[in-house]
C-alpha atoms as a PDB file:
ATOM      1  CA  MET A   1      25.868  30.078  14.783  1.00  0.00           C
ATOM      2  CA  THR A   2      25.679  26.864  12.807  1.00  0.00           C
ATOM      3  CA  GLN A   3      28.672  25.232  11.296  1.00  0.00           C
ATOM      4  CA  GLU A   4      28.336  22.963   8.335  1.00  0.00           C
ATOM      5  CA  THR A   5      30.379  19.839   8.466  1.00  0.00           C
ATOM      6  CA  PRO A   6      32.733  19.543   5.534  1.00  0.00           C
ATOM      7  CA  ALA A   7      31.928  16.946   2.930  1.00  0.00           C
ATOM      8  CA  GLU A   8      33.871  13.775   3.496  1.00  0.00           C
ATOM      9  CA  PRO A   9      35.736  12.548   0.440  1.00  0.00           C
ATOM     10  CA  GLY A  10      34.535   9.209  -0.840  1.00  0.00           C
ATOM     11  CA  VAL A  11      31.136   9.437   0.873  1.00  0.00           C
ATOM     12  CA  ASN A  12      28.193   9.378  -1.483  1.00  0.00           C
ATOM     13  CA  ARG A  13      25.015  10.864  -0.139  1.00  0.00           C
ATOM     14  CA  PRO A  14      21.842   9.860  -1.914  1.00  0.00           C
ATOM     15  CA  ASN A  15      19.983  12.482  -3.858  1.00  0.00           C
ATOM     16  CA  VAL A  16      16.475  12.766  -2.461  1.00  0.00           C
ATOM     17  CA  THR A  17      14.000  13.671  -5.164  1.00  0.00           C
ATOM     18  CA  PRO A  18      10.377  14.793  -4.843  1.00  0.00           C
ATOM     19  CA  LEU A  19       9.382  11.368  -6.170  1.00  0.00           C
ATOM     20  CA  ASP A  20      11.173   9.707  -3.241  1.00  0.00           C
ATOM     21  CA  ILE A  21       9.244  11.906  -0.820  1.00  0.00           C
ATOM     22  CA  ILE A  22       5.955  11.061  -2.543  1.00  0.00           C
ATOM     23  CA  ARG A  23       6.742   7.348  -2.305  1.00  0.00           C
ATOM     24  CA  VAL A  24       7.458   7.649   1.431  1.00  0.00           C
ATOM     25  CA  VAL A  25       4.145   9.457   1.915  1.00  0.00           C
ATOM     26  CA  ILE A  26       2.398   6.683  -0.052  1.00  0.00           C
ATOM     27  CA  LEU A  27       4.010   4.039   2.177  1.00  0.00           C
ATOM     28  CA  LEU A  28       2.952   5.889   5.328  1.00  0.00           C
ATOM     29  CA  ALA A  29      -0.581   6.258   3.934  1.00  0.00           C
ATOM     30  CA  ALA A  30      -0.649   2.532   3.160  1.00  0.00           C
ATOM     31  CA  LEU A  31       0.429   1.646   6.696  1.00  0.00           C
ATOM     32  CA  ALA A  32      -2.111   4.032   8.235  1.00  0.00           C
ATOM     33  CA  SER A  33      -4.846   2.751   5.916  1.00  0.00           C
ATOM     34  CA  LEU A  34      -4.202  -0.864   6.850  1.00  0.00           C
ATOM     35  CA  ALA A  35      -4.145  -0.010  10.557  1.00  0.00           C
ATOM     36  CA  LEU A  36      -7.448   1.860  10.205  1.00  0.00           C
ATOM     37  CA  TRP A  37      -8.926  -1.030   8.252  1.00  0.00           C
ATOM     38  CA  GLY A  38      -7.801  -3.546  10.843  1.00  0.00           C
ATOM     39  CA  PHE A  39      -9.127  -1.631  13.824  1.00  0.00           C
ATOM     40  CA  ALA A  40     -12.382  -0.507  12.172  1.00  0.00           C
ATOM     41  CA  SER A  41     -13.435  -3.587  10.221  1.00  0.00           C
ATOM     42  CA  TRP A  42     -12.928  -6.400  12.700  1.00  0.00           C
ATOM     43  CA  ASP A  43     -14.372  -7.282  16.090  1.00  0.00           C
ATOM     44  CA  LEU A  44     -12.248  -7.655  19.205  1.00  0.00           C
ATOM     45  CA  PRO A  45      -9.753  -9.376  19.593  1.00  0.00           C
ATOM     46  CA  TRP A  46      -9.209  -9.600  15.827  1.00  0.00           C
ATOM     47  CA  SER A  47      -9.263  -5.832  15.430  1.00  0.00           C
ATOM     48  CA  VAL A  48      -6.133  -5.512  17.544  1.00  0.00           C
ATOM     49  CA  ILE A  49      -4.404  -8.415  15.810  1.00  0.00           C
ATOM     50  CA  VAL A  50      -5.231  -7.263  12.266  1.00  0.00           C
ATOM     51  CA  GLY A  51      -4.850  -3.554  13.070  1.00  0.00           C
ATOM     52  CA  ILE A  52      -1.288  -4.117  14.217  1.00  0.00           C
ATOM     53  CA  GLY A  53      -0.419  -7.154  12.102  1.00  0.00           C
ATOM     54  CA  ALA A  54      -1.358  -5.876   8.645  1.00  0.00           C
ATOM     55  CA  PRO A  55       0.889  -2.778   8.770  1.00  0.00           C
ATOM     56  CA  VAL A  56       3.717  -4.842  10.271  1.00  0.00           C
ATOM     57  CA  VAL A  57       3.481  -7.376   7.434  1.00  0.00           C
ATOM     58  CA  VAL A  58       3.535  -4.594   4.827  1.00  0.00           C
ATOM     59  CA  LEU A  59       6.507  -2.969   6.559  1.00  0.00           C
ATOM     60  CA  LEU A  60       8.377  -6.288   6.532  1.00  0.00           C
ATOM     61  CA  VAL A  61       7.598  -6.809   2.841  1.00  0.00           C
ATOM     62  CA  TRP A  62       8.809  -3.278   2.138  1.00  0.00           C
ATOM     63  CA  ALA A  63      12.052  -3.910   4.040  1.00  0.00           C
ATOM     64  CA  LEU A  64      12.636  -7.217   2.283  1.00  0.00           C
ATOM     65  CA  PHE A  65      11.897  -6.186  -1.297  1.00  0.00           C
ATOM     66  CA  LEU A  66      11.083  -2.490  -1.793  1.00  0.00           C
ATOM     67  CA  SER A  67      13.376  -0.429   0.411  1.00  0.00           C
ATOM     68  CA  PRO A  68      16.267   1.552  -1.102  1.00  0.00           C
ATOM     69  CA  ARG A  69      18.631  -1.123   0.270  1.00  0.00           C
ATOM     70  CA  PRO A  70      16.458  -4.259   0.295  1.00  0.00           C
ATOM     71  CA  VAL A  71      17.398  -7.414   2.148  1.00  0.00           C
ATOM     72  CA  LEU A  72      16.518  -9.525  -0.899  1.00  0.00           C
ATOM     73  CA  ARG A  73      17.481  -8.146  -4.282  1.00  0.00           C
ATOM     74  CA  VAL A  74      15.028  -9.369  -6.896  1.00  0.00           C
ATOM     75  CA  HIS A  75      14.379  -8.671 -10.558  1.00  0.00           C
ATOM     76  CA  PRO A  76      12.812  -5.220 -11.114  1.00  0.00           C
ATOM     77  CA  PHE A  77       9.632  -6.785 -12.491  1.00  0.00           C
ATOM     78  CA  LEU A  78       9.202  -8.974  -9.406  1.00  0.00           C
ATOM     79  CA  ARG A  79       9.845  -5.904  -7.266  1.00  0.00           C
ATOM     80  CA  ALA A  80       7.114  -4.063  -9.203  1.00  0.00           C
ATOM     81  CA  ALA A  81       4.743  -7.013  -8.726  1.00  0.00           C
ATOM     82  CA  VAL A  82       5.305  -6.994  -4.953  1.00  0.00           C
ATOM     83  CA  GLU A  83       4.763  -3.242  -4.840  1.00  0.00           C
ATOM     84  CA  LEU A  84       1.583  -3.602  -6.879  1.00  0.00           C
ATOM     85  CA  LEU A  85       0.367  -6.344  -4.543  1.00  0.00           C
ATOM     86  CA  VAL A  86       0.753  -3.983  -1.566  1.00  0.00           C
ATOM     87  CA  TYR A  87      -1.150  -1.231  -3.390  1.00  0.00           C
ATOM     88  CA  VAL A  88      -3.940  -3.632  -4.366  1.00  0.00           C
ATOM     89  CA  GLY A  89      -4.242  -4.775  -0.760  1.00  0.00           C
ATOM     90  CA  VAL A  90      -4.607  -1.222   0.510  1.00  0.00           C
ATOM     91  CA  THR A  91      -7.108  -0.394  -2.234  1.00  0.00           C
ATOM     92  CA  ILE A  92      -9.215  -3.450  -1.382  1.00  0.00           C
ATOM     93  CA  ALA A  93      -9.056  -2.475   2.299  1.00  0.00           C
ATOM     94  CA  TRP A  94     -10.504   0.956   1.474  1.00  0.00           C
ATOM     95  CA  TRP A  95     -13.161  -0.612  -0.735  1.00  0.00           C
ATOM     96  CA  SER A  96     -14.160  -3.071   2.006  1.00  0.00           C
ATOM     97  CA  MET A  97     -14.669  -0.100   4.363  1.00  0.00           C
ATOM     98  CA  GLY A  98     -17.114   1.403   1.850  1.00  0.00           C
ATOM     99  CA  GLN A  99     -14.698   4.110   0.679  1.00  0.00           C
ATOM    100  CA  ALA A 100     -14.306   3.229  -2.999  1.00  0.00           C
ATOM    101  CA  VAL A 101     -13.387   6.775  -4.020  1.00  0.00           C
ATOM    102  CA  ILE A 102     -10.531   7.009  -1.496  1.00  0.00           C
ATOM    103  CA  GLY A 103      -9.333   3.552  -2.496  1.00  0.00           C
ATOM    104  CA  SER A 104      -9.393   4.427  -6.175  1.00  0.00           C
ATOM    105  CA  ILE A 105      -7.540   7.711  -5.615  1.00  0.00           C
ATOM    106  CA  PHE A 106      -4.918   5.908  -3.549  1.00  0.00           C
ATOM    107  CA  ALA A 107      -4.509   3.286  -6.280  1.00  0.00           C
ATOM    108  CA  VAL A 108      -4.089   5.845  -9.059  1.00  0.00           C
ATOM    109  CA  VAL A 109      -1.551   7.957  -7.133  1.00  0.00           C
ATOM    110  CA  ALA A 110       0.424   4.967  -5.852  1.00  0.00           C
ATOM    111  CA  ILE A 111       0.564   3.179  -9.192  1.00  0.00           C
ATOM    112  CA  ALA A 112       1.521   6.374 -11.036  1.00  0.00           C
ATOM    113  CA  ALA A 113       4.377   6.994  -8.580  1.00  0.00           C
ATOM    114  CA  GLY A 114       5.451   3.357  -8.874  1.00  0.00           C
ATOM    115  CA  VAL A 115       5.471   3.471 -12.671  1.00  0.00           C
ATOM    116  CA  ILE A 116       7.485   6.691 -12.730  1.00  0.00           C
ATOM    117  CA  ALA A 117       9.967   5.292 -10.201  1.00  0.00           C
ATOM    118  CA  GLY A 118      10.198   2.010 -12.093  1.00  0.00           C
ATOM    119  CA  ARG A 119      10.917   3.755 -15.361  1.00  0.00           C
ATOM    120  CA  ARG A 120      13.545   5.885 -13.645  1.00  0.00           C
ATOM    121  CA  SER A 121      15.272   2.816 -12.199  1.00  0.00           C
ATOM    122  CA  LEU A 122      15.316   1.020 -15.561  1.00  0.00           C
ATOM    123  CA  ALA A 123      16.722   4.025 -17.440  1.00  0.00           C
END
């Protein structure tokens, strides 16, 4: 028998939308793509360094600028530019592995989700 905890007054819980879930999936796909690129495209020992380092750098950039509660609050257009830079990097990684179709699909889906989220945040 499960018991639901009563809602605490004064506590605001964020509303999770399908767009938020899509953006998390895009971030996870970007991290996995960069790890795959690092391990597959470089020779040892660089494959280990790039395969681990590239996703870590993207995760740090996400935490600094793009997370729901970022460490550094920047103008929405600068935030969009950073997000676009991450997407371009992942797309170029796919293209350098010879998978232009996957890279292009990732770019279209990620940029569309970013534009929709950006418009929602400006409204």
